[in-house]
Amino acid sequence: MNSGCFRKEENSNAKAVGMKPSEGGAASSAEQETALIMGSEASTENGKEVQYCGFDIRALPDELFMHVLMFVPPADVVKRCSLVCKHWLAVSRDQSMWRRKCEQEGKYVPSVKGLQLTTKDFMRIYFKNPYGRNLLRNTHAQSMEYWYKPGNYLSASVETSPAGADPIADFVPPEEIQGKPVQNWVTSYQFTTITQQVHLLEEGCSTEVLDNVRPPIYASAWCAARWDCGAKFQLVVKLLNKDQTTVDAVEKEMIMSDHPDRRIWHKVEHTFTDYKPGVRSIKFQMGGVDTQFWAGNYGSKFTLPCLRFIFSKKDEDKH
C-alpha cells in the first residue's frame, strides 16, 4: 500500500481500481494508471473482497504534509512517521513544525534575542516543558517518592492533614495547589531533611539557555509549626555543575518557636540571579526539627516545594 489516506470500497465482482476482475475483461489501462498514481490494495472483510484506494501523500508539498502531521499525536510522529522513509524523517524533524506544536500546546519557549535553539531543543520543550513548570516531583507530599531521606526511624513522615496547625488551603493560593489534595511532611525532635536533585538536561533544558541566558531560578516551600510546640524549618538549595561542584547556593531558616502565629503557614522563598554558567543540576533540600525536644512528630511541617525558571521581559531582551 502506498502511503496515503484511503477510502474503502466493497468489491463483490472484483471490478476495482488496479485489480484483475475475477470474471469479465481485463482492467483498462486507465484504471491501471489510476491505481499506480492513487495507490490501491485489496483485502477480504466478512467474506467480501475490499478495495482500498486514495491519494499518494508523497505528492503533497512539504508545507501541506507538515500541516497534516500537526494533527498526528506527537509520539507517533517521532516513533512511527519518522521511520517510514527518509523524506518523512526529514519532515518530522522540521524545526518550524515543532515550534508550532509548542505554541499550539502552550509550552513555554524562551524568546531571547540571539538564542539558537535546535530541532531537538524544541522537541524536548514540547515533551518535557522544562521552562514552564515546577521541576520538582511529588510536591504535594503524597508519599516519600522522589525524595531522599536519612534511613533512620526519626526521619520525616507524611501527614494527611497538618496536626496542630491550620489548614494549608487557608493560606496557599489556588494556582499553587492546582486542585490536587495536599498533604505535608513533618519532622521530629532530631533534625532531619529530605532531598531531591533535579538534572536539568534530563528534564529537557538546553545548554544554550543554561549557559548564555541563565534565567532566574525560583525556589520556595511552605512551612508551619504546631500551636503547642515551637519548630525550625530550613530550606537549602544548591546550583551544581557537571562535577557536582557548587556554583551558587542559599540557606534560609524560619524559626517558629516564639512566633505568635506559628500554627499558620509561611512561605520561604529565594530567587537565584546572575549565577555563573555551567549549572547542570539543582539540589533542593527541606528539613526541620522541633525546638522543645518532644517525643513524636512535633517538628516543623512543610509542603508544596517549588523550583522553576522565571522568564521576564528583561530576560527576553537580553543579547
Protein backbone atom coordinates (compact mmCIF):
# COMPACT_ATOMS: atom_id res chain seq x y z
CA MET A 1 0.00 0.00 0.00
CA ASN A 2 1.32 3.45 -0.85
CA SER A 3 1.37 5.93 1.99
CA GLY A 4 -1.84 7.91 1.96
CA CYS A 5 -5.40 8.48 3.11
CA PHE A 6 -7.77 5.81 1.90
CA ARG A 7 -11.46 5.14 1.37
CA LYS A 8 -12.88 1.62 1.47
CA GLU A 9 -14.95 0.08 -1.33
CA GLU A 10 -16.61 -3.33 -1.29
CA ASN A 11 -15.76 -5.30 -4.42
CA SER A 12 -18.21 -8.15 -4.96
CA ASN A 13 -17.23 -8.60 -8.64
CA ALA A 14 -13.58 -7.59 -8.17
CA LYS A 15 -14.05 -4.74 -10.62
CA ALA A 16 -11.96 -2.26 -8.62
CA VAL A 17 -9.20 0.12 -9.47
CA GLY A 18 -5.95 -1.63 -10.25
CA MET A 19 -7.17 -5.24 -9.80
CA LYS A 20 -7.79 -8.06 -12.21
CA PRO A 21 -11.52 -8.86 -12.27
CA SER A 22 -12.39 -12.45 -11.35
CA GLU A 23 -14.57 -12.56 -14.38
CA GLY A 24 -15.00 -10.35 -17.44
CA GLY A 25 -12.32 -8.41 -19.32
CA ALA A 26 -9.01 -7.08 -18.04
CA ALA A 27 -8.81 -3.75 -16.22
CA SER A 28 -8.40 -0.85 -18.62
CA SER A 29 -5.05 0.84 -18.97
CA ALA A 30 -6.65 3.99 -17.49
CA GLU A 31 -7.69 2.06 -14.39
CA GLN A 32 -4.21 0.61 -14.07
CA GLU A 33 -2.64 4.05 -14.38
CA THR A 34 -5.04 5.45 -11.78
CA ALA A 35 -4.17 2.62 -9.43
CA LEU A 36 -0.48 3.31 -9.90
CA ILE A 37 -0.89 7.03 -9.12
CA MET A 38 -3.54 6.82 -6.38
CA GLY A 39 -2.39 3.64 -4.73
CA SER A 40 -4.57 0.61 -4.01
CA GLU A 41 -4.59 -2.62 -2.10
CA ALA A 42 -7.13 -5.41 -1.77
CA SER A 43 -8.14 -7.43 1.28
CA THR A 44 -11.04 -9.51 2.50
CA GLU A 45 -13.55 -8.50 5.18
CA ASN A 46 -16.51 -10.71 6.18
CA GLY A 47 -16.05 -12.82 3.07
CA LYS A 48 -16.17 -9.82 0.74
CA GLU A 49 -13.28 -8.50 -1.24
CA VAL A 50 -12.47 -4.93 -0.21
CA GLN A 51 -10.53 -2.36 -2.18
CA TYR A 52 -8.60 0.49 -0.56
CA CYS A 53 -7.67 3.43 -2.71
CA GLY A 54 -6.59 7.00 -2.07
CA PHE A 55 -4.12 9.72 -2.95
CA ASP A 56 -0.38 9.30 -2.59
CA ILE A 57 0.58 11.60 0.29
CA ARG A 58 4.07 11.85 -1.14
CA ALA A 59 2.62 14.13 -3.82
CA LEU A 60 1.84 16.77 -1.18
CA PRO A 61 4.16 19.77 -0.83
CA ASP A 62 6.16 19.67 2.39
CA GLU A 63 4.16 22.57 3.86
CA LEU A 64 0.87 20.67 3.48
CA PHE A 65 2.39 17.39 4.67
CA MET A 66 3.71 19.22 7.73
CA HIS A 67 0.22 20.57 8.34
CA VAL A 68 -1.12 17.00 8.26
CA LEU A 69 1.49 15.93 10.82
CA MET A 70 0.30 18.71 13.14
CA PHE A 71 -2.82 16.57 13.73
CA VAL A 72 -0.87 13.37 14.39
CA PRO A 73 -0.09 12.55 18.06
CA PRO A 74 3.49 13.78 18.66
CA ALA A 75 4.68 10.42 19.99
CA ASP A 76 3.53 8.79 16.74
CA VAL A 77 5.35 11.43 14.69
CA VAL A 78 8.59 10.52 16.47
CA LYS A 79 8.18 6.74 16.82
CA ARG A 80 6.25 5.85 13.66
CA CYS A 81 6.12 8.53 10.97
CA SER A 82 9.85 9.21 11.12
CA LEU A 83 10.55 5.52 10.32
CA VAL A 84 8.57 5.38 7.07
CA CYS A 85 11.24 6.85 4.79
CA LYS A 86 13.98 9.49 4.65
CA HIS A 87 11.54 12.12 3.41
CA TRP A 88 9.14 11.52 6.29
CA LEU A 89 12.07 11.56 8.70
CA ALA A 90 13.20 14.96 7.39
CA VAL A 91 9.71 16.49 7.64
CA SER A 92 9.10 15.00 11.09
CA ARG A 93 12.31 16.68 12.30
CA ASP A 94 11.47 20.09 10.85
CA GLN A 95 12.18 22.81 13.41
CA SER A 96 9.28 25.05 12.41
CA MET A 97 6.79 22.21 12.91
CA TRP A 98 7.96 21.55 16.47
CA ARG A 99 7.95 25.26 17.24
CA ARG A 100 4.33 25.39 16.07
CA LYS A 101 3.47 22.34 18.18
CA CYS A 102 4.99 24.02 21.25
CA GLU A 103 2.99 27.19 20.63
CA GLN A 104 -0.18 25.21 19.93
CA GLU A 105 0.08 23.29 23.22
CA GLY A 106 1.13 26.30 25.31
CA LYS A 107 4.68 25.10 26.04
CA TYR A 108 6.93 27.95 27.12
CA VAL A 109 9.60 28.71 24.52
CA PRO A 110 12.26 31.27 25.53
CA SER A 111 12.31 34.10 23.01
CA VAL A 112 15.65 35.64 23.91
CA LYS A 113 17.39 37.60 21.18
CA GLY A 114 20.25 35.66 19.64
CA LEU A 115 19.15 32.37 21.22
CA GLN A 116 19.81 29.48 18.82
CA LEU A 117 17.53 26.53 19.57
CA THR A 118 17.80 23.31 17.56
CA THR A 119 15.02 20.96 16.47
CA LYS A 120 15.92 18.66 19.37
CA ASP A 121 15.57 21.61 21.76
CA PHE A 122 12.04 22.27 20.52
CA MET A 123 11.18 18.57 20.78
CA ARG A 124 12.43 18.49 24.38
CA ILE A 125 10.44 21.64 25.15
CA TYR A 126 7.31 20.02 23.69
CA PHE A 127 7.59 16.73 25.54
CA LYS A 128 9.11 17.98 28.84
CA ASN A 129 8.21 21.69 29.06
CA PRO A 130 11.24 22.48 31.29
CA TYR A 131 10.82 26.27 31.24
CA GLY A 132 7.13 26.36 32.08
CA ARG A 133 6.62 24.07 35.06
CA ASN A 134 7.71 23.11 38.54
CA LEU A 135 10.79 20.93 38.06
CA LEU A 136 10.24 19.03 41.33
CA ARG A 137 8.21 15.83 41.58
CA ASN A 138 5.80 14.78 44.32
CA THR A 139 5.31 18.32 45.58
CA HIS A 140 2.02 17.59 47.37
CA ALA A 141 3.61 15.14 49.85
CA GLN A 142 1.60 12.15 48.68
CA SER A 143 4.46 9.91 49.80
CA MET A 144 8.27 9.94 50.06
CA GLU A 145 8.66 9.03 46.38
CA TYR A 146 11.41 11.00 44.58
CA TRP A 147 12.71 12.34 47.91
CA TYR A 148 15.86 11.03 49.56
CA LYS A 149 15.77 10.88 53.35
CA PRO A 150 18.15 9.52 56.01
CA GLY A 151 17.42 5.90 56.79
CA ASN A 152 16.55 6.18 60.46
CA TYR A 153 13.29 5.95 62.35
CA LEU A 154 13.34 9.67 63.19
CA SER A 155 13.27 10.78 59.56
CA ALA A 156 10.43 12.88 58.15
CA SER A 157 6.96 11.37 57.90
CA VAL A 158 3.85 12.21 55.88
CA GLU A 159 0.73 13.72 57.45
CA THR A 160 -2.59 13.57 55.63
CA SER A 161 -3.56 16.79 57.42
CA PRO A 162 -1.37 19.19 59.47
CA ALA A 163 -1.96 18.14 63.08
CA GLY A 164 -1.89 21.14 65.40
CA ALA A 165 -1.67 23.65 62.51
CA ASP A 166 -4.17 25.48 60.35
CA PRO A 167 -5.37 24.00 57.03
CA ILE A 168 -2.92 24.59 54.20
CA ALA A 169 -5.63 25.71 51.77
CA ASP A 170 -6.41 28.72 54.01
CA PHE A 171 -3.05 30.30 53.11
CA VAL A 172 -1.81 28.91 49.79
CA PRO A 173 -3.12 30.43 46.51
CA PRO A 174 -5.29 28.02 44.46
CA GLU A 175 -2.88 28.17 41.50
CA GLU A 176 -0.20 26.56 43.64
CA ILE A 177 -2.50 23.79 44.87
CA GLN A 178 -3.81 23.14 41.32
CA GLY A 179 -6.93 21.38 42.56
CA LYS A 180 -4.97 18.43 43.95
CA PRO A 181 -5.15 17.05 47.51
CA VAL A 182 -2.30 18.45 49.61
CA GLN A 183 -0.56 16.62 52.43
CA ASN A 184 2.60 17.63 54.29
CA TRP A 185 5.81 16.23 55.67
CA VAL A 186 6.52 16.56 59.39
CA THR A 187 9.75 16.23 61.42
CA SER A 188 10.58 15.24 64.98
CA TYR A 189 12.99 16.20 67.81
CA GLN A 190 16.03 15.22 65.75
CA PHE A 191 16.88 17.50 62.83
CA THR A 192 16.28 15.67 59.57
CA THR A 193 15.97 16.50 55.89
CA ILE A 194 14.51 15.28 52.61
CA THR A 195 16.31 16.00 49.33
CA GLN A 196 15.55 15.89 45.61
CA GLN A 197 18.12 16.52 42.89
CA VAL A 198 16.97 17.81 39.50
CA HIS A 199 19.18 17.02 36.49
CA LEU A 200 18.40 19.87 34.14
CA LEU A 201 19.48 18.32 30.83
CA GLU A 202 17.39 15.22 31.57
CA GLU A 203 14.44 17.49 32.29
CA GLY A 204 14.73 18.95 28.78
CA CYS A 205 16.82 22.08 29.36
CA SER A 206 19.25 23.35 26.72
CA THR A 207 22.89 24.16 27.49
CA GLU A 208 22.41 27.27 25.34
CA VAL A 209 19.71 28.52 27.73
CA LEU A 210 21.53 27.42 30.89
CA ASP A 211 24.87 28.98 29.97
CA ASN A 212 24.03 32.00 27.81
CA VAL A 213 20.60 33.13 29.00
CA ARG A 214 20.89 31.98 32.63
CA PRO A 215 17.27 32.84 33.54
CA PRO A 216 16.40 33.46 37.21
CA ILE A 217 15.71 30.27 39.18
CA TYR A 218 12.96 30.48 41.78
CA ALA A 219 12.82 28.16 44.83
CA SER A 220 10.21 28.09 47.57
CA ALA A 221 8.37 25.94 50.13
CA TRP A 222 5.56 26.38 52.66
CA CYS A 223 6.13 25.62 56.35
CA ALA A 224 4.29 25.74 59.70
CA ALA A 225 4.56 24.55 63.29
CA ARG A 226 2.07 23.21 65.82
CA TRP A 227 0.25 25.67 68.05
CA ASP A 228 1.69 23.97 71.16
CA CYS A 229 5.31 23.34 70.13
CA GLY A 230 7.99 25.53 68.57
CA ALA A 231 9.85 24.39 65.47
CA LYS A 232 12.51 25.37 62.96
CA PHE A 233 12.32 24.93 59.19
CA GLN A 234 15.30 25.05 56.84
CA LEU A 235 15.47 25.36 53.06
CA VAL A 236 18.79 24.72 51.30
CA VAL A 237 19.12 24.96 47.51
CA LYS A 238 22.38 24.39 45.60
CA LEU A 239 23.13 25.01 41.93
CA LEU A 240 25.69 22.42 40.82
CA ASN A 241 27.88 22.00 37.74
CA LYS A 242 28.53 18.71 35.94
CA ASP A 243 31.19 17.78 38.53
CA GLN A 244 28.71 18.40 41.37
CA THR A 245 30.65 21.47 42.48
CA THR A 246 28.51 24.26 43.91
CA VAL A 247 28.04 27.22 41.55
CA ASP A 248 25.66 29.09 43.85
CA ALA A 249 23.68 28.23 46.98
CA VAL A 250 21.25 29.60 49.54
CA GLU A 251 20.24 28.53 53.05
CA LYS A 252 17.13 30.01 54.63
CA GLU A 253 15.53 29.34 58.01
CA MET A 254 12.16 30.05 59.58
CA ILE A 255 12.19 29.91 63.38
CA MET A 256 8.70 29.34 64.74
CA SER A 257 9.45 28.90 68.46
CA ASP A 258 8.07 32.13 69.91
CA HIS A 259 6.14 33.16 66.83
CA PRO A 260 2.61 34.18 67.88
CA ASP A 261 1.21 32.76 64.62
CA ARG A 262 3.35 29.67 64.37
CA ARG A 263 0.37 27.45 63.51
CA ILE A 264 -0.23 29.38 60.27
CA TRP A 265 1.63 28.61 57.05
CA HIS A 266 4.61 30.71 55.96
CA LYS A 267 6.32 30.81 52.58
CA VAL A 268 10.12 30.62 52.43
CA GLU A 269 11.48 31.62 49.02
CA HIS A 270 14.56 32.71 47.11
CA THR A 271 15.41 33.66 43.51
CA PHE A 272 18.85 32.98 42.01
CA THR A 273 20.05 35.63 39.56
CA ASP A 274 23.35 36.37 37.81
CA TYR A 275 24.76 32.95 38.58
CA LYS A 276 27.78 31.69 36.64
CA PRO A 277 27.49 29.44 33.55
CA GLY A 278 27.76 25.68 33.90
CA VAL A 279 24.75 24.82 36.09
CA ARG A 280 23.62 21.29 35.23
CA SER A 281 21.66 20.17 38.29
CA ILE A 282 19.94 21.60 41.35
CA LYS A 283 19.83 20.03 44.80
CA PHE A 284 16.69 21.01 46.72
CA GLN A 285 16.62 20.20 50.43
CA MET A 286 13.98 20.79 53.12
CA GLY A 287 14.30 19.92 56.77
CA GLY A 288 13.40 20.81 60.31
CA VAL A 289 13.14 19.97 63.97
CA ASP A 290 11.02 20.85 66.99
CA THR A 291 12.67 23.25 69.44
CA GLN A 292 11.28 21.69 72.63
CA PHE A 293 12.63 18.16 72.14
CA TRP A 294 9.25 16.43 72.49
CA ALA A 295 8.94 12.75 71.61
CA GLY A 296 6.94 12.20 68.45
CA ASN A 297 6.32 14.23 65.29
CA TYR A 298 6.10 17.72 66.82
CA GLY A 299 8.67 19.28 64.48
CA SER A 300 8.21 21.64 61.55
CA LYS A 301 5.75 20.82 58.78
CA PHE A 302 6.40 21.64 55.13
CA THR A 303 4.88 21.06 51.71
CA LEU A 304 4.40 22.39 48.15
CA PRO A 305 8.08 22.92 47.28
CA CYS A 306 8.65 24.73 44.01
CA LEU A 307 11.65 25.00 41.68
CA ARG A 308 11.23 26.73 38.34
CA PHE A 309 12.74 29.14 35.85
CA ILE A 310 11.45 32.70 35.60
CA PHE A 311 11.44 34.44 32.23
CA SER A 312 10.64 38.12 32.29
CA LYS A 313 10.54 40.73 29.53
CA LYS A 314 14.01 41.79 30.68
CA ASP A 315 15.36 38.25 30.14
CA GLU A 316 13.83 38.09 26.66
CA ASP A 317 15.52 41.37 25.73
CA LYS A 318 18.98 40.08 26.63
CA HIS A 319 21.69 39.96 23.96
